[in-house]
């Protein structure tokens, strides 16, 4: 898998994909104005950022970033979220990805995280 394949997959759903850079210069793929389809956060709109991966093999970073924050930030609780290096209006969600990376698997992971939230 490559970042380009992930971007193409997201665009195939009609999603708008842009790029962002955090305060240390690290690059992210940003899915803009995404409406969460199911679970406790269903209907909420947010931007979703995933760190770009330039390595081979592709390694999915263990984090999802959302703008705005969708839940209370707390690294000690079950949601494991905190402020993001992308800026003050972003939330970092600590989540491991332990599967073979494919665009579908990565996006399914993001949707699963949102569907399992108990705000």
PDB file of N, CA and C in Angstrom:
ATOM      1  N   UNK A   1       0.839  -1.181   0.000  1.00  0.00           N
ATOM      2  CA  UNK A   1       0.000   0.000   0.000  1.00  0.00           C
ATOM      3  C   UNK A   1       0.882   1.241   0.000  1.00  0.00           C
ATOM      4  N   UNK A   2       0.375   2.309  -0.585  1.00  0.00           N
ATOM      5  CA  UNK A   2       1.061   3.597  -0.586  1.00  0.00           C
ATOM      6  C   UNK A   2       0.087   4.689  -0.154  1.00  0.00           C
ATOM      7  N   UNK A   3       0.614   5.835   0.198  1.00  0.00           N
ATOM      8  CA  UNK A   3      -0.242   6.983   0.523  1.00  0.00           C
ATOM      9  C   UNK A   3      -1.140   7.334  -0.658  1.00  0.00           C
ATOM     10  N   UNK A   4      -0.601   7.252  -1.864  1.00  0.00           N
ATOM     11  CA  UNK A   4      -1.395   7.569  -3.059  1.00  0.00           C
ATOM     12  C   UNK A   4      -2.586   6.634  -3.201  1.00  0.00           C
ATOM     13  N   UNK A   5      -2.394   5.357  -2.904  1.00  0.00           N
ATOM     14  CA  UNK A   5      -3.503   4.406  -2.972  1.00  0.00           C
ATOM     15  C   UNK A   5      -4.574   4.727  -1.930  1.00  0.00           C
ATOM     16  N   UNK A   6      -4.146   5.109  -0.735  1.00  0.00           N
ATOM     17  CA  UNK A   6      -5.108   5.491   0.298  1.00  0.00           C
ATOM     18  C   UNK A   6      -5.885   6.734  -0.132  1.00  0.00           C
ATOM     19  N   UNK A   7      -5.189   7.715  -0.638  1.00  0.00           N
ATOM     20  CA  UNK A   7      -5.847   8.945  -1.104  1.00  0.00           C
ATOM     21  C   UNK A   7      -6.844   8.639  -2.224  1.00  0.00           C
ATOM     22  N   UNK A   8      -6.452   7.818  -3.170  1.00  0.00           N
ATOM     23  CA  UNK A   8      -7.335   7.443  -4.277  1.00  0.00           C
ATOM     24  C   UNK A   8      -8.575   6.718  -3.744  1.00  0.00           C
ATOM     25  N   UNK A   9      -8.380   5.829  -2.776  1.00  0.00           N
ATOM     26  CA  UNK A   9      -9.496   5.098  -2.175  1.00  0.00           C
ATOM     27  C   UNK A   9     -10.480   6.069  -1.517  1.00  0.00           C
ATOM     28  N   UNK A  10      -9.971   7.020  -0.755  1.00  0.00           N
ATOM     29  CA  UNK A  10     -10.839   7.992  -0.084  1.00  0.00           C
ATOM     30  C   UNK A  10     -11.588   8.856  -1.095  1.00  0.00           C
ATOM     31  N   UNK A  11     -10.895   9.279  -2.127  1.00  0.00           N
ATOM     32  CA  UNK A  11     -11.542  10.094  -3.170  1.00  0.00           C
ATOM     33  C   UNK A  11     -12.613   9.312  -3.930  1.00  0.00           C
ATOM     34  N   UNK A  12     -12.463   7.982  -3.994  1.00  0.00           N
ATOM     35  CA  UNK A  12     -13.455   7.169  -4.709  1.00  0.00           C
ATOM     36  C   UNK A  12     -14.822   7.227  -4.024  1.00  0.00           C
ATOM     37  N   UNK A  13     -14.861   7.638  -2.771  1.00  0.00           N
ATOM     38  CA  UNK A  13     -16.117   7.825  -2.036  1.00  0.00           C
ATOM     39  C   UNK A  13     -16.632   9.251  -2.148  1.00  0.00           C
ATOM     40  N   UNK A  14     -15.933  10.073  -2.925  1.00  0.00           N
ATOM     41  CA  UNK A  14     -16.328  11.466  -3.055  1.00  0.00           C
ATOM     42  C   UNK A  14     -15.802  12.329  -1.923  1.00  0.00           C
ATOM     43  N   UNK A  15     -14.882  11.790  -1.131  1.00  0.00           N
ATOM     44  CA  UNK A  15     -14.321  12.568  -0.023  1.00  0.00           C
ATOM     45  C   UNK A  15     -13.255  13.524  -0.540  1.00  0.00           C
ATOM     46  N   UNK A  16     -13.170  14.684   0.077  1.00  0.00           N
ATOM     47  CA  UNK A  16     -12.161  15.674  -0.283  1.00  0.00           C
ATOM     48  C   UNK A  16     -10.914  15.399   0.549  1.00  0.00           C
ATOM     49  N   UNK A  17      -9.788  15.241  -0.119  1.00  0.00           N
ATOM     50  CA  UNK A  17      -8.526  14.934   0.544  1.00  0.00           C
ATOM     51  C   UNK A  17      -7.562  16.097   0.349  1.00  0.00           C
ATOM     52  N   UNK A  18      -7.006  16.558   1.449  1.00  0.00           N
ATOM     53  CA  UNK A  18      -6.001  17.629   1.433  1.00  0.00           C
ATOM     54  C   UNK A  18      -4.802  17.166   2.251  1.00  0.00           C
ATOM     55  N   UNK A  19      -3.871  18.068   2.463  1.00  0.00           N
ATOM     56  CA  UNK A  19      -2.665  17.743   3.210  1.00  0.00           C
ATOM     57  C   UNK A  19      -2.452  18.778   4.306  1.00  0.00           C
ATOM     58  N   UNK A  20      -1.800  18.335   5.379  1.00  0.00           N
ATOM     59  CA  UNK A  20      -1.462  19.231   6.479  1.00  0.00           C
ATOM     60  C   UNK A  20      -0.068  18.865   6.964  1.00  0.00           C
ATOM     61  N   UNK A  21       0.492  19.783   7.729  1.00  0.00           N
ATOM     62  CA  UNK A  21       1.829  19.594   8.277  1.00  0.00           C
ATOM     63  C   UNK A  21       1.777  19.959   9.751  1.00  0.00           C
ATOM     64  N   UNK A  22       2.372  19.108  10.617  1.00  0.00           N
ATOM     65  CA  UNK A  22       2.357  19.438  12.039  1.00  0.00           C
ATOM     66  C   UNK A  22       3.505  20.385  12.383  1.00  0.00           C
ATOM     67  N   UNK A  23       3.615  20.726  13.666  1.00  0.00           N
ATOM     68  CA  UNK A  23       4.602  21.730  14.071  1.00  0.00           C
ATOM     69  C   UNK A  23       6.052  21.255  13.946  1.00  0.00           C
ATOM     70  N   UNK A  24       6.274  19.959  13.662  1.00  0.00           N
ATOM     71  CA  UNK A  24       7.634  19.481  13.433  1.00  0.00           C
ATOM     72  C   UNK A  24       7.902  19.202  11.952  1.00  0.00           C
ATOM     73  N   UNK A  25       6.930  19.541  11.087  1.00  0.00           N
ATOM     74  CA  UNK A  25       7.107  19.368   9.658  1.00  0.00           C
ATOM     75  C   UNK A  25       6.618  18.043   9.112  1.00  0.00           C
ATOM     76  N   UNK A  26       6.053  17.188   9.961  1.00  0.00           N
ATOM     77  CA  UNK A  26       5.542  15.894   9.517  1.00  0.00           C
ATOM     78  C   UNK A  26       4.275  16.091   8.698  1.00  0.00           C
ATOM     79  N   UNK A  27       4.125  15.323   7.609  1.00  0.00           N
ATOM     80  CA  UNK A  27       3.002  15.489   6.687  1.00  0.00           C
ATOM     81  C   UNK A  27       1.860  14.521   6.979  1.00  0.00           C
ATOM     82  N   UNK A  28       0.624  14.982   6.709  1.00  0.00           N
ATOM     83  CA  UNK A  28      -0.587  14.200   6.968  1.00  0.00           C
ATOM     84  C   UNK A  28      -1.516  14.240   5.767  1.00  0.00           C
ATOM     85  N   UNK A  29      -2.267  13.153   5.597  1.00  0.00           N
ATOM     86  CA  UNK A  29      -3.379  13.096   4.650  1.00  0.00           C
ATOM     87  C   UNK A  29      -4.617  13.490   5.445  1.00  0.00           C
ATOM     88  N   UNK A  30      -5.367  14.474   4.968  1.00  0.00           N
ATOM     89  CA  UNK A  30      -6.541  14.956   5.695  1.00  0.00           C
ATOM     90  C   UNK A  30      -7.789  14.728   4.854  1.00  0.00           C
ATOM     91  N   UNK A  31      -8.736  13.991   5.409  1.00  0.00           N
ATOM     92  CA  UNK A  31     -10.048  13.820   4.800  1.00  0.00           C
ATOM     93  C   UNK A  31     -10.938  14.899   5.395  1.00  0.00           C
ATOM     94  N   UNK A  32     -11.408  15.810   4.555  1.00  0.00           N
ATOM     95  CA  UNK A  32     -12.120  17.003   5.030  1.00  0.00           C
ATOM     96  C   UNK A  32     -13.627  16.789   5.094  1.00  0.00           C
ATOM     97  N   UNK A  33     -14.223  17.402   6.116  1.00  0.00           N
ATOM     98  CA  UNK A  33     -15.688  17.427   6.259  1.00  0.00           C
ATOM     99  C   UNK A  33     -16.309  16.037   6.186  1.00  0.00           C
ATOM    100  N   UNK A  34     -15.704  15.089   6.880  1.00  0.00           N
ATOM    101  CA  UNK A  34     -16.212  13.726   6.902  1.00  0.00           C
ATOM    102  C   UNK A  34     -17.363  13.621   7.902  1.00  0.00           C
ATOM    103  N   UNK A  35     -18.471  13.049   7.468  1.00  0.00           N
ATOM    104  CA  UNK A  35     -19.622  12.842   8.348  1.00  0.00           C
ATOM    105  C   UNK A  35     -19.553  11.403   8.858  1.00  0.00           C
ATOM    106  N   UNK A  36     -19.423  11.249  10.156  1.00  0.00           N
ATOM    107  CA  UNK A  36     -19.315   9.919  10.760  1.00  0.00           C
ATOM    108  C   UNK A  36     -20.642   9.183  10.550  1.00  0.00           C
ATOM    109  N   UNK A  37     -20.592   7.989   9.930  1.00  0.00           N
ATOM    110  CA  UNK A  37     -21.831   7.334   9.516  1.00  0.00           C
ATOM    111  C   UNK A  37     -22.572   6.541  10.584  1.00  0.00           C
ATOM    112  N   UNK A  38     -21.889   6.075  11.637  1.00  0.00           N
ATOM    113  CA  UNK A  38     -22.579   5.221  12.600  1.00  0.00           C
ATOM    114  C   UNK A  38     -21.926   5.317  13.970  1.00  0.00           C
ATOM    115  N   UNK A  39     -22.599   4.742  14.954  1.00  0.00           N
ATOM    116  CA  UNK A  39     -22.081   4.734  16.314  1.00  0.00           C
ATOM    117  C   UNK A  39     -22.495   5.971  17.078  1.00  0.00           C
ATOM    118  N   UNK A  40     -21.958   6.131  18.282  1.00  0.00           N
ATOM    119  CA  UNK A  40     -22.338   7.247  19.142  1.00  0.00           C
ATOM    120  C   UNK A  40     -22.034   8.631  18.557  1.00  0.00           C
ATOM    121  N   UNK A  41     -21.083   8.700  17.634  1.00  0.00           N
ATOM    122  CA  UNK A  41     -20.711   9.983  17.024  1.00  0.00           C
ATOM    123  C   UNK A  41     -21.381  10.193  15.665  1.00  0.00           C
ATOM    124  N   UNK A  42     -22.327   9.325  15.306  1.00  0.00           N
ATOM    125  CA  UNK A  42     -22.996   9.398  13.999  1.00  0.00           C
ATOM    126  C   UNK A  42     -23.566  10.786  13.752  1.00  0.00           C
ATOM    127  N   UNK A  43     -23.329  11.277  12.546  1.00  0.00           N
ATOM    128  CA  UNK A  43     -23.832  12.587  12.154  1.00  0.00           C
ATOM    129  C   UNK A  43     -22.873  13.727  12.434  1.00  0.00           C
ATOM    130  N   UNK A  44     -21.858  13.482  13.262  1.00  0.00           N
ATOM    131  CA  UNK A  44     -20.865  14.531  13.545  1.00  0.00           C
ATOM    132  C   UNK A  44     -19.958  14.682  12.330  1.00  0.00           C
ATOM    133  N   UNK A  45     -19.577  15.909  12.037  1.00  0.00           N
ATOM    134  CA  UNK A  45     -18.684  16.207  10.921  1.00  0.00           C
ATOM    135  C   UNK A  45     -17.324  16.600  11.470  1.00  0.00           C
ATOM    136  N   UNK A  46     -16.273  16.056  10.879  1.00  0.00           N
ATOM    137  CA  UNK A  46     -14.921  16.388  11.323  1.00  0.00           C
ATOM    138  C   UNK A  46     -13.947  16.180  10.170  1.00  0.00           C
ATOM    139  N   UNK A  47     -12.772  16.714  10.343  1.00  0.00           N
ATOM    140  CA  UNK A  47     -11.657  16.398   9.460  1.00  0.00           C
ATOM    141  C   UNK A  47     -10.899  15.254  10.126  1.00  0.00           C
ATOM    142  N   UNK A  48     -10.413  14.319   9.335  1.00  0.00           N
ATOM    143  CA  UNK A  48      -9.661  13.169   9.846  1.00  0.00           C
ATOM    144  C   UNK A  48      -8.281  13.193   9.210  1.00  0.00           C
ATOM    145  N   UNK A  49      -7.246  13.191  10.038  1.00  0.00           N
ATOM    146  CA  UNK A  49      -5.876  13.223   9.524  1.00  0.00           C
ATOM    147  C   UNK A  49      -5.139  11.941   9.904  1.00  0.00           C
ATOM    148  N   UNK A  50      -4.410  11.419   8.945  1.00  0.00           N
ATOM    149  CA  UNK A  50      -3.544  10.264   9.150  1.00  0.00           C
ATOM    150  C   UNK A  50      -2.147  10.646   8.682  1.00  0.00           C
ATOM    151  N   UNK A  51      -1.140  10.328   9.496  1.00  0.00           N
ATOM    152  CA  UNK A  51       0.230  10.657   9.118  1.00  0.00           C
ATOM    153  C   UNK A  51       0.610   9.915   7.853  1.00  0.00           C
ATOM    154  N   UNK A  52       1.303  10.606   6.962  1.00  0.00           N
ATOM    155  CA  UNK A  52       1.788   9.979   5.731  1.00  0.00           C
ATOM    156  C   UNK A  52       2.890   8.993   6.091  1.00  0.00           C
ATOM    157  N   UNK A  53       3.037   7.961   5.280  1.00  0.00           N
ATOM    158  CA  UNK A  53       4.076   6.952   5.482  1.00  0.00           C
ATOM    159  C   UNK A  53       4.891   6.857   4.203  1.00  0.00           C
ATOM    160  N   UNK A  54       6.164   7.106   4.312  1.00  0.00           N
ATOM    161  CA  UNK A  54       7.025   7.077   3.139  1.00  0.00           C
ATOM    162  C   UNK A  54       7.922   5.844   3.109  1.00  0.00           C
ATOM    163  N   UNK A  55       7.690   4.901   4.033  1.00  0.00           N
ATOM    164  CA  UNK A  55       8.536   3.715   4.106  1.00  0.00           C
ATOM    165  C   UNK A  55       7.941   2.551   3.330  1.00  0.00           C
ATOM    166  N   UNK A  56       8.814   1.609   3.008  1.00  0.00           N
ATOM    167  CA  UNK A  56       8.395   0.341   2.432  1.00  0.00           C
ATOM    168  C   UNK A  56       9.030  -0.731   3.308  1.00  0.00           C
ATOM    169  N   UNK A  57       8.258  -1.595   3.929  1.00  0.00           N
ATOM    170  CA  UNK A  57       6.813  -1.715   3.790  1.00  0.00           C
ATOM    171  C   UNK A  57       6.084  -0.564   4.488  1.00  0.00           C
ATOM    172  N   UNK A  58       4.853  -0.362   4.067  1.00  0.00           N
ATOM    173  CA  UNK A  58       3.995   0.691   4.603  1.00  0.00           C
ATOM    174  C   UNK A  58       3.654   0.355   6.052  1.00  0.00           C
ATOM    175  N   UNK A  59       3.868   1.314   6.947  1.00  0.00           N
ATOM    176  CA  UNK A  59       3.559   1.130   8.359  1.00  0.00           C
ATOM    177  C   UNK A  59       2.539   2.198   8.750  1.00  0.00           C
ATOM    178  N   UNK A  60       1.358   1.754   9.171  1.00  0.00           N
ATOM    179  CA  UNK A  60       0.308   2.693   9.554  1.00  0.00           C
ATOM    180  C   UNK A  60       0.646   3.269  10.917  1.00  0.00           C
ATOM    181  N   UNK A  61       0.775   4.594  11.030  1.00  0.00           N
ATOM    182  CA  UNK A  61       1.061   5.202  12.331  1.00  0.00           C
ATOM    183  C   UNK A  61      -0.070   4.911  13.322  1.00  0.00           C
ATOM    184  N   UNK A  62       0.270   4.744  14.603  1.00  0.00           N
ATOM    185  CA  UNK A  62      -0.736   4.369  15.600  1.00  0.00           C
ATOM    186  C   UNK A  62      -1.550   5.563  16.091  1.00  0.00           C
ATOM    187  N   UNK A  63      -2.114   6.316  15.184  1.00  0.00           N
ATOM    188  CA  UNK A  63      -2.856   7.506  15.599  1.00  0.00           C
ATOM    189  C   UNK A  63      -3.822   7.963  14.525  1.00  0.00           C
ATOM    190  N   UNK A  64      -4.919   8.519  14.990  1.00  0.00           N
ATOM    191  CA  UNK A  64      -5.894   9.209  14.158  1.00  0.00           C
ATOM    192  C   UNK A  64      -6.002  10.610  14.743  1.00  0.00           C
ATOM    193  N   UNK A  65      -6.112  11.605  13.908  1.00  0.00           N
ATOM    194  CA  UNK A  65      -6.269  12.978  14.381  1.00  0.00           C
ATOM    195  C   UNK A  65      -7.607  13.500  13.867  1.00  0.00           C
ATOM    196  N   UNK A  66      -8.356  14.196  14.711  1.00  0.00           N
ATOM    197  CA  UNK A  66      -9.631  14.774  14.289  1.00  0.00           C
ATOM    198  C   UNK A  66      -9.682  16.257  14.623  1.00  0.00           C
ATOM    199  N   UNK A  67     -10.406  16.963  13.784  1.00  0.00           N
ATOM    200  CA  UNK A  67     -10.672  18.388  14.026  1.00  0.00           C
ATOM    201  C   UNK A  67     -12.144  18.602  13.741  1.00  0.00           C
ATOM    202  N   UNK A  68     -12.914  19.017  14.716  1.00  0.00           N
ATOM    203  CA  UNK A  68     -12.570  19.377  16.095  1.00  0.00           C
ATOM    204  C   UNK A  68     -12.423  18.132  16.966  1.00  0.00           C
ATOM    205  N   UNK A  69     -12.083  18.384  18.231  1.00  0.00           N
ATOM    206  CA  UNK A  69     -12.063  17.297  19.214  1.00  0.00           C
ATOM    207  C   UNK A  69     -13.480  16.740  19.321  1.00  0.00           C
ATOM    208  N   UNK A  70     -13.599  15.435  19.347  1.00  0.00           N
ATOM    209  CA  UNK A  70     -14.916  14.792  19.371  1.00  0.00           C
ATOM    210  C   UNK A  70     -15.292  14.253  20.747  1.00  0.00           C
ATOM    211  N   UNK A  71     -14.290  14.034  21.589  1.00  0.00           N
ATOM    212  CA  UNK A  71     -14.522  13.531  22.944  1.00  0.00           C
ATOM    213  C   UNK A  71     -13.576  14.256  23.896  1.00  0.00           C
ATOM    214  N   UNK A  72     -13.802  14.057  25.176  1.00  0.00           N
ATOM    215  CA  UNK A  72     -12.923  14.675  26.186  1.00  0.00           C
ATOM    216  C   UNK A  72     -11.507  14.103  26.032  1.00  0.00           C
ATOM    217  N   UNK A  73     -10.504  14.964  26.120  1.00  0.00           N
ATOM    218  CA  UNK A  73      -9.122  14.512  25.986  1.00  0.00           C
ATOM    219  C   UNK A  73      -8.645  13.946  27.322  1.00  0.00           C
ATOM    220  N   UNK A  74      -8.135  12.684  27.263  1.00  0.00           N
ATOM    221  CA  UNK A  74      -7.706  12.009  28.479  1.00  0.00           C
ATOM    222  C   UNK A  74      -6.889  10.784  28.096  1.00  0.00           C
ATOM    223  N   UNK A  75      -5.576  10.834  28.276  1.00  0.00           N
ATOM    224  CA  UNK A  75      -4.719   9.700  27.923  1.00  0.00           C
ATOM    225  C   UNK A  75      -4.772   8.585  28.963  1.00  0.00           C
ATOM    226  N   UNK A  76      -5.337   8.843  30.140  1.00  0.00           N
ATOM    227  CA  UNK A  76      -5.394   7.803  31.160  1.00  0.00           C
ATOM    228  C   UNK A  76      -6.688   7.005  31.090  1.00  0.00           C
ATOM    229  N   UNK A  77      -7.702   7.529  30.438  1.00  0.00           N
ATOM    230  CA  UNK A  77      -8.989   6.847  30.334  1.00  0.00           C
ATOM    231  C   UNK A  77      -9.027   5.900  29.151  1.00  0.00           C
ATOM    232  N   UNK A  78     -10.172   5.306  28.910  1.00  0.00           N
ATOM    233  CA  UNK A  78     -10.282   4.296  27.841  1.00  0.00           C
ATOM    234  C   UNK A  78     -10.189   4.858  26.425  1.00  0.00           C
ATOM    235  N   UNK A  79     -10.429   6.163  26.244  1.00  0.00           N
ATOM    236  CA  UNK A  79     -10.418   6.715  24.888  1.00  0.00           C
ATOM    237  C   UNK A  79      -9.036   7.095  24.393  1.00  0.00           C
ATOM    238  N   UNK A  80      -8.093   7.300  25.295  1.00  0.00           N
ATOM    239  CA  UNK A  80      -6.704   7.607  24.947  1.00  0.00           C
ATOM    240  C   UNK A  80      -6.590   8.703  23.894  1.00  0.00           C
ATOM    241  N   UNK A  81      -7.002   9.919  24.249  1.00  0.00           N
ATOM    242  CA  UNK A  81      -6.889  11.054  23.344  1.00  0.00           C
ATOM    243  C   UNK A  81      -6.168  12.199  24.036  1.00  0.00           C
ATOM    244  N   UNK A  82      -5.584  13.070  23.227  1.00  0.00           N
ATOM    245  CA  UNK A  82      -4.890  14.242  23.756  1.00  0.00           C
ATOM    246  C   UNK A  82      -4.760  15.281  22.645  1.00  0.00           C
ATOM    247  N   UNK A  83      -4.168  16.412  22.982  1.00  0.00           N
ATOM    248  CA  UNK A  83      -3.931  17.451  21.983  1.00  0.00           C
ATOM    249  C   UNK A  83      -2.988  16.905  20.905  1.00  0.00           C
ATOM    250  N   UNK A  84      -3.176  17.361  19.693  1.00  0.00           N
ATOM    251  CA  UNK A  84      -2.410  16.877  18.550  1.00  0.00           C
ATOM    252  C   UNK A  84      -1.312  17.863  18.171  1.00  0.00           C
ATOM    253  N   UNK A  85      -0.250  17.331  17.598  1.00  0.00           N
ATOM    254  CA  UNK A  85       0.839  18.175  17.088  1.00  0.00           C
ATOM    255  C   UNK A  85       0.396  18.978  15.861  1.00  0.00           C
ATOM    256  N   UNK A  86      -0.788  18.663  15.314  1.00  0.00           N
ATOM    257  CA  UNK A  86      -1.298  19.423  14.171  1.00  0.00           C
ATOM    258  C   UNK A  86      -1.794  20.812  14.566  1.00  0.00           C
ATOM    259  N   UNK A  87      -2.026  21.038  15.849  1.00  0.00           N
ATOM    260  CA  UNK A  87      -2.465  22.354  16.289  1.00  0.00           C
ATOM    261  C   UNK A  87      -3.522  22.266  17.369  1.00  0.00           C
ATOM    262  N   UNK A  88      -3.877  23.408  17.942  1.00  0.00           N
ATOM    263  CA  UNK A  88      -4.787  23.425  19.089  1.00  0.00           C
ATOM    264  C   UNK A  88      -6.215  22.984  18.780  1.00  0.00           C
ATOM    265  N   UNK A  89      -6.606  23.011  17.530  1.00  0.00           N
ATOM    266  CA  UNK A  89      -7.972  22.608  17.191  1.00  0.00           C
ATOM    267  C   UNK A  89      -8.062  21.137  16.755  1.00  0.00           C
ATOM    268  N   UNK A  90      -6.960  20.390  16.914  1.00  0.00           N
ATOM    269  CA  UNK A  90      -6.911  18.982  16.532  1.00  0.00           C
ATOM    270  C   UNK A  90      -6.813  18.097  17.770  1.00  0.00           C
ATOM    271  N   UNK A  91      -7.365  16.878  17.668  1.00  0.00           N
ATOM    272  CA  UNK A  91      -7.309  15.883  18.732  1.00  0.00           C
ATOM    273  C   UNK A  91      -6.583  14.644  18.227  1.00  0.00           C
ATOM    274  N   UNK A  92      -5.662  14.138  19.035  1.00  0.00           N
ATOM    275  CA  UNK A  92      -4.887  12.937  18.721  1.00  0.00           C
ATOM    276  C   UNK A  92      -5.530  11.745  19.419  1.00  0.00           C
ATOM    277  N   UNK A  93      -5.836  10.699  18.667  1.00  0.00           N
ATOM    278  CA  UNK A  93      -6.401   9.456  19.198  1.00  0.00           C
ATOM    279  C   UNK A  93      -5.327   8.382  19.081  1.00  0.00           C
ATOM    280  N   UNK A  94      -4.869   7.832  20.172  1.00  0.00           N
ATOM    281  CA  UNK A  94      -3.854   6.792  20.151  1.00  0.00           C
ATOM    282  C   UNK A  94      -4.516   5.451  19.856  1.00  0.00           C
ATOM    283  N   UNK A  95      -4.256   4.911  18.667  1.00  0.00           N
ATOM    284  CA  UNK A  95      -4.871   3.650  18.238  1.00  0.00           C
ATOM    285  C   UNK A  95      -3.890   2.844  17.386  1.00  0.00           C
ATOM    286  N   UNK A  96      -3.612   1.624  17.800  1.00  0.00           N
ATOM    287  CA  UNK A  96      -2.728   0.743  17.034  1.00  0.00           C
ATOM    288  C   UNK A  96      -3.474   0.136  15.853  1.00  0.00           C
ATOM    289  N   UNK A  97      -2.727  -0.092  14.803  1.00  0.00           N
ATOM    290  CA  UNK A  97      -3.252  -0.763  13.612  1.00  0.00           C
ATOM    291  C   UNK A  97      -2.410  -2.008  13.401  1.00  0.00           C
ATOM    292  N   UNK A  98      -2.999  -3.186  13.617  1.00  0.00           N
ATOM    293  CA  UNK A  98      -2.232  -4.433  13.593  1.00  0.00           C
ATOM    294  C   UNK A  98      -2.614  -5.376  12.465  1.00  0.00           C
ATOM    295  N   UNK A  99      -3.000  -4.838  11.326  1.00  0.00           N
ATOM    296  CA  UNK A  99      -3.384  -5.684  10.203  1.00  0.00           C
ATOM    297  C   UNK A  99      -2.504  -5.362   8.991  1.00  0.00           C
ATOM    298  N   UNK A 100      -2.641  -6.159   7.986  1.00  0.00           N
ATOM    299  CA  UNK A 100      -1.942  -5.864   6.731  1.00  0.00           C
ATOM    300  C   UNK A 100      -2.550  -4.567   6.187  1.00  0.00           C
ATOM    301  N   UNK A 101      -1.720  -3.564   5.897  1.00  0.00           N
ATOM    302  CA  UNK A 101      -2.270  -2.289   5.449  1.00  0.00           C
ATOM    303  C   UNK A 101      -2.757  -2.329   4.007  1.00  0.00           C
ATOM    304  N   UNK A 102      -4.039  -2.076   3.855  1.00  0.00           N
ATOM    305  CA  UNK A 102      -4.652  -1.830   2.560  1.00  0.00           C
ATOM    306  C   UNK A 102      -5.484  -0.574   2.748  1.00  0.00           C
ATOM    307  N   UNK A 103      -5.780   0.149   1.700  1.00  0.00           N
ATOM    308  CA  UNK A 103      -6.616   1.340   1.879  1.00  0.00           C
ATOM    309  C   UNK A 103      -7.938   1.012   2.586  1.00  0.00           C
ATOM    310  N   UNK A 104      -8.577  -0.072   2.192  1.00  0.00           N
ATOM    311  CA  UNK A 104      -9.850  -0.453   2.808  1.00  0.00           C
ATOM    312  C   UNK A 104      -9.665  -0.773   4.295  1.00  0.00           C
ATOM    313  N   UNK A 105      -8.613  -1.494   4.655  1.00  0.00           N
ATOM    314  CA  UNK A 105      -8.378  -1.856   6.052  1.00  0.00           C
ATOM    315  C   UNK A 105      -8.082  -0.622   6.907  1.00  0.00           C
ATOM    316  N   UNK A 106      -7.312   0.310   6.374  1.00  0.00           N
ATOM    317  CA  UNK A 106      -6.989   1.526   7.130  1.00  0.00           C
ATOM    318  C   UNK A 106      -8.256   2.344   7.383  1.00  0.00           C
ATOM    319  N   UNK A 107      -9.076   2.544   6.352  1.00  0.00           N
ATOM    320  CA  UNK A 107     -10.285   3.349   6.530  1.00  0.00           C
ATOM    321  C   UNK A 107     -11.300   2.619   7.412  1.00  0.00           C
ATOM    322  N   UNK A 108     -11.367   1.296   7.312  1.00  0.00           N
ATOM    323  CA  UNK A 108     -12.235   0.514   8.199  1.00  0.00           C
ATOM    324  C   UNK A 108     -11.794   0.687   9.646  1.00  0.00           C
ATOM    325  N   UNK A 109     -10.510   0.724   9.879  1.00  0.00           N
ATOM    326  CA  UNK A 109      -9.963   0.960  11.216  1.00  0.00           C
ATOM    327  C   UNK A 109     -10.454   2.307  11.764  1.00  0.00           C
ATOM    328  N   UNK A 110     -10.377   3.349  10.949  1.00  0.00           N
ATOM    329  CA  UNK A 110     -10.830   4.673  11.377  1.00  0.00           C
ATOM    330  C   UNK A 110     -12.327   4.628  11.735  1.00  0.00           C
ATOM    331  N   UNK A 111     -13.118   4.033  10.876  1.00  0.00           N
ATOM    332  CA  UNK A 111     -14.558   3.960  11.122  1.00  0.00           C
ATOM    333  C   UNK A 111     -14.870   3.121  12.359  1.00  0.00           C
ATOM    334  N   UNK A 112     -14.102   2.074  12.583  1.00  0.00           N
ATOM    335  CA  UNK A 112     -14.302   1.240  13.770  1.00  0.00           C
ATOM    336  C   UNK A 112     -14.003   2.015  15.039  1.00  0.00           C
ATOM    337  N   UNK A 113     -12.942   2.795  15.031  1.00  0.00           N
ATOM    338  CA  UNK A 113     -12.617   3.622  16.201  1.00  0.00           C
ATOM    339  C   UNK A 113     -13.796   4.535  16.525  1.00  0.00           C
ATOM    340  N   UNK A 114     -14.346   5.207  15.527  1.00  0.00           N
ATOM    341  CA  UNK A 114     -15.472   6.111  15.769  1.00  0.00           C
ATOM    342  C   UNK A 114     -16.722   5.366  16.226  1.00  0.00           C
ATOM    343  N   UNK A 115     -16.945   4.164  15.722  1.00  0.00           N
ATOM    344  CA  UNK A 115     -18.163   3.432  16.069  1.00  0.00           C
ATOM    345  C   UNK A 115     -18.103   2.833  17.465  1.00  0.00           C
ATOM    346  N   UNK A 116     -16.902   2.673  18.016  1.00  0.00           N
ATOM    347  CA  UNK A 116     -16.761   2.056  19.341  1.00  0.00           C
ATOM    348  C   UNK A 116     -16.599   3.054  20.475  1.00  0.00           C
ATOM    349  N   UNK A 117     -16.680   4.326  20.166  1.00  0.00           N
ATOM    350  CA  UNK A 117     -16.530   5.361  21.184  1.00  0.00           C
ATOM    351  C   UNK A 117     -17.731   5.347  22.131  1.00  0.00           C
ATOM    352  N   UNK A 118     -17.450   5.494  23.393  1.00  0.00           N
ATOM    353  CA  UNK A 118     -18.524   5.687  24.368  1.00  0.00           C
ATOM    354  C   UNK A 118     -18.272   7.029  25.047  1.00  0.00           C
ATOM    355  N   UNK A 119     -18.829   8.107  24.458  1.00  0.00           N
ATOM    356  CA  UNK A 119     -18.548   9.457  24.982  1.00  0.00           C
ATOM    357  C   UNK A 119     -19.103   9.671  26.383  1.00  0.00           C
TER     358      UNK A 119
END
